[in-house]
């Protein structure tokens, strides 16, 4: 993610669904495990925030990671790109923010 994301939007949703699963099971873990692992989770969440941008008008939800977009989208060699969202991201309900860079 930090070096660019080359898959489509639906695949991105699938990839980050594991963070939702972790949020579901986190409260079930013993307090000592949560306490020991919380710093690492916080670090990884911060890296994810840095590698993504907030979905315009969203992001304050409990599962904030579901409302993020990769900062760098990579176009595979030979895939067409004419500006705006690359193929696989055109379903986004808003124009591509300037803070999202497409790498060809």
C-alpha atoms as a PDB file:
ATOM      1  CA  UNK A   1       0.000   0.000   0.000  1.00  0.00           C
ATOM      2  CA  UNK A   2       2.745   2.439   0.887  1.00  0.00           C
ATOM      3  CA  UNK A   3       4.417   1.936  -2.503  1.00  0.00           C
ATOM      4  CA  UNK A   4       1.143   1.934  -4.433  1.00  0.00           C
ATOM      5  CA  UNK A   5      -1.949  -0.210  -4.840  1.00  0.00           C
ATOM      6  CA  UNK A   6      -2.405  -1.967  -8.190  1.00  0.00           C
ATOM      7  CA  UNK A   7      -5.708  -3.754  -7.631  1.00  0.00           C
ATOM      8  CA  UNK A   8      -9.272  -2.529  -8.143  1.00  0.00           C
ATOM      9  CA  UNK A   9     -11.586  -0.847  -5.634  1.00  0.00           C
ATOM     10  CA  UNK A  10     -13.612  -3.984  -4.795  1.00  0.00           C
ATOM     11  CA  UNK A  11     -10.360  -5.894  -4.211  1.00  0.00           C
ATOM     12  CA  UNK A  12      -9.211  -3.120  -1.875  1.00  0.00           C
ATOM     13  CA  UNK A  13     -12.437  -3.511   0.122  1.00  0.00           C
ATOM     14  CA  UNK A  14     -11.756  -7.216   0.358  1.00  0.00           C
ATOM     15  CA  UNK A  15      -8.143  -6.660   1.406  1.00  0.00           C
ATOM     16  CA  UNK A  16      -9.063  -4.343   4.270  1.00  0.00           C
ATOM     17  CA  UNK A  17     -11.932  -6.500   5.513  1.00  0.00           C
ATOM     18  CA  UNK A  18      -9.405  -8.296   7.719  1.00  0.00           C
ATOM     19  CA  UNK A  19      -9.118  -5.077   9.754  1.00  0.00           C
ATOM     20  CA  UNK A  20     -12.870  -5.244  10.392  1.00  0.00           C
ATOM     21  CA  UNK A  21     -12.515  -8.837  11.549  1.00  0.00           C
ATOM     22  CA  UNK A  22      -9.721  -7.798  13.893  1.00  0.00           C
ATOM     23  CA  UNK A  23     -11.947  -5.034  15.310  1.00  0.00           C
ATOM     24  CA  UNK A  24     -14.673  -7.623  15.927  1.00  0.00           C
ATOM     25  CA  UNK A  25     -12.417 -10.036  17.816  1.00  0.00           C
ATOM     26  CA  UNK A  26     -10.234  -7.455  19.603  1.00  0.00           C
ATOM     27  CA  UNK A  27     -12.634  -7.057  22.561  1.00  0.00           C
ATOM     28  CA  UNK A  28     -12.692 -10.845  22.998  1.00  0.00           C
ATOM     29  CA  UNK A  29      -8.936 -11.054  23.544  1.00  0.00           C
ATOM     30  CA  UNK A  30      -7.594 -11.168  27.084  1.00  0.00           C
ATOM     31  CA  UNK A  31      -6.770  -7.681  28.403  1.00  0.00           C
ATOM     32  CA  UNK A  32      -3.058  -8.530  28.750  1.00  0.00           C
ATOM     33  CA  UNK A  33      -2.914  -9.518  25.055  1.00  0.00           C
ATOM     34  CA  UNK A  34      -4.718  -6.364  23.955  1.00  0.00           C
ATOM     35  CA  UNK A  35      -2.430  -4.256  26.136  1.00  0.00           C
ATOM     36  CA  UNK A  36       0.688  -5.913  24.751  1.00  0.00           C
ATOM     37  CA  UNK A  37      -0.419  -5.667  21.100  1.00  0.00           C
ATOM     38  CA  UNK A  38      -2.152  -2.250  21.122  1.00  0.00           C
ATOM     39  CA  UNK A  39       1.042  -0.280  20.344  1.00  0.00           C
ATOM     40  CA  UNK A  40       1.693  -2.421  17.251  1.00  0.00           C
ATOM     41  CA  UNK A  41      -1.914  -2.082  16.093  1.00  0.00           C
ATOM     42  CA  UNK A  42      -1.725   1.686  16.579  1.00  0.00           C
ATOM     43  CA  UNK A  43       1.506   1.799  14.556  1.00  0.00           C
ATOM     44  CA  UNK A  44      -0.007  -0.189  11.690  1.00  0.00           C
ATOM     45  CA  UNK A  45      -3.172   1.921  11.722  1.00  0.00           C
ATOM     46  CA  UNK A  46      -1.043   5.072  11.474  1.00  0.00           C
ATOM     47  CA  UNK A  47       0.877   3.643   8.536  1.00  0.00           C
ATOM     48  CA  UNK A  48      -2.421   2.803   6.845  1.00  0.00           C
ATOM     49  CA  UNK A  49      -3.713   6.344   7.455  1.00  0.00           C
ATOM     50  CA  UNK A  50      -0.505   7.767   5.958  1.00  0.00           C
ATOM     51  CA  UNK A  51      -0.791   5.558   2.854  1.00  0.00           C
ATOM     52  CA  UNK A  52      -4.443   6.433   2.278  1.00  0.00           C
ATOM     53  CA  UNK A  53      -6.719   9.443   2.222  1.00  0.00           C
ATOM     54  CA  UNK A  54     -10.079   9.842   3.871  1.00  0.00           C
ATOM     55  CA  UNK A  55     -13.111   9.228   1.673  1.00  0.00           C
ATOM     56  CA  UNK A  56     -14.540  12.728   1.098  1.00  0.00           C
ATOM     57  CA  UNK A  57     -17.257  13.437   3.646  1.00  0.00           C
ATOM     58  CA  UNK A  58     -16.646  10.193   5.550  1.00  0.00           C
ATOM     59  CA  UNK A  59     -14.084   8.764   7.899  1.00  0.00           C
ATOM     60  CA  UNK A  60     -15.437   9.549  11.331  1.00  0.00           C
ATOM     61  CA  UNK A  61     -17.281   6.240  11.498  1.00  0.00           C
ATOM     62  CA  UNK A  62     -16.309   3.580  14.009  1.00  0.00           C
ATOM     63  CA  UNK A  63     -14.701   1.447  11.293  1.00  0.00           C
ATOM     64  CA  UNK A  64     -12.799   4.389   9.788  1.00  0.00           C
ATOM     65  CA  UNK A  65     -10.517   2.121   7.681  1.00  0.00           C
ATOM     66  CA  UNK A  66     -13.470   1.215   5.454  1.00  0.00           C
ATOM     67  CA  UNK A  67     -13.650   4.863   4.358  1.00  0.00           C
ATOM     68  CA  UNK A  68     -10.104   5.276   3.080  1.00  0.00           C
ATOM     69  CA  UNK A  69      -8.635   5.312  -0.445  1.00  0.00           C
ATOM     70  CA  UNK A  70      -5.047   4.481  -1.398  1.00  0.00           C
ATOM     71  CA  UNK A  71      -2.918   7.584  -1.976  1.00  0.00           C
ATOM     72  CA  UNK A  72      -1.043   5.863  -4.797  1.00  0.00           C
ATOM     73  CA  UNK A  73      -2.870   3.817  -7.430  1.00  0.00           C
ATOM     74  CA  UNK A  74      -0.655   1.882  -9.821  1.00  0.00           C
ATOM     75  CA  UNK A  75      -1.651   1.208 -13.427  1.00  0.00           C
ATOM     76  CA  UNK A  76      -0.343  -2.120 -14.675  1.00  0.00           C
ATOM     77  CA  UNK A  77       1.727  -1.897 -17.885  1.00  0.00           C
ATOM     78  CA  UNK A  78      -0.547  -2.082 -20.902  1.00  0.00           C
ATOM     79  CA  UNK A  79      -3.709  -1.098 -19.001  1.00  0.00           C
ATOM     80  CA  UNK A  80      -5.444   1.937 -20.500  1.00  0.00           C
ATOM     81  CA  UNK A  81      -5.549   5.161 -18.518  1.00  0.00           C
ATOM     82  CA  UNK A  82      -7.057   8.423 -19.682  1.00  0.00           C
ATOM     83  CA  UNK A  83      -7.009  10.421 -16.462  1.00  0.00           C
ATOM     84  CA  UNK A  84      -9.342  10.472 -13.493  1.00  0.00           C
ATOM     85  CA  UNK A  85      -9.938   7.158 -11.763  1.00  0.00           C
ATOM     86  CA  UNK A  86      -8.142   4.177 -13.286  1.00  0.00           C
ATOM     87  CA  UNK A  87     -10.130   1.163 -14.453  1.00  0.00           C
ATOM     88  CA  UNK A  88     -11.380  -0.733 -11.440  1.00  0.00           C
ATOM     89  CA  UNK A  89     -11.993   2.472  -9.498  1.00  0.00           C
ATOM     90  CA  UNK A  90     -14.500   4.197 -11.781  1.00  0.00           C
ATOM     91  CA  UNK A  91     -17.373   3.112  -9.517  1.00  0.00           C
ATOM     92  CA  UNK A  92     -16.275   5.693  -6.947  1.00  0.00           C
ATOM     93  CA  UNK A  93     -19.151   8.137  -6.360  1.00  0.00           C
ATOM     94  CA  UNK A  94     -16.939  11.231  -6.520  1.00  0.00           C
ATOM     95  CA  UNK A  95     -14.178  12.570  -8.769  1.00  0.00           C
ATOM     96  CA  UNK A  96     -10.643  11.425  -8.041  1.00  0.00           C
ATOM     97  CA  UNK A  97      -9.208  13.738  -5.377  1.00  0.00           C
ATOM     98  CA  UNK A  98      -5.996  15.535  -6.306  1.00  0.00           C
ATOM     99  CA  UNK A  99      -4.341  13.879  -3.299  1.00  0.00           C
ATOM    100  CA  UNK A 100      -4.752  10.466  -4.982  1.00  0.00           C
ATOM    101  CA  UNK A 101      -1.910   9.989  -7.437  1.00  0.00           C
ATOM    102  CA  UNK A 102      -2.048   7.523 -10.316  1.00  0.00           C
ATOM    103  CA  UNK A 103       1.279   5.963 -11.263  1.00  0.00           C
ATOM    104  CA  UNK A 104       1.579   4.697 -14.833  1.00  0.00           C
END
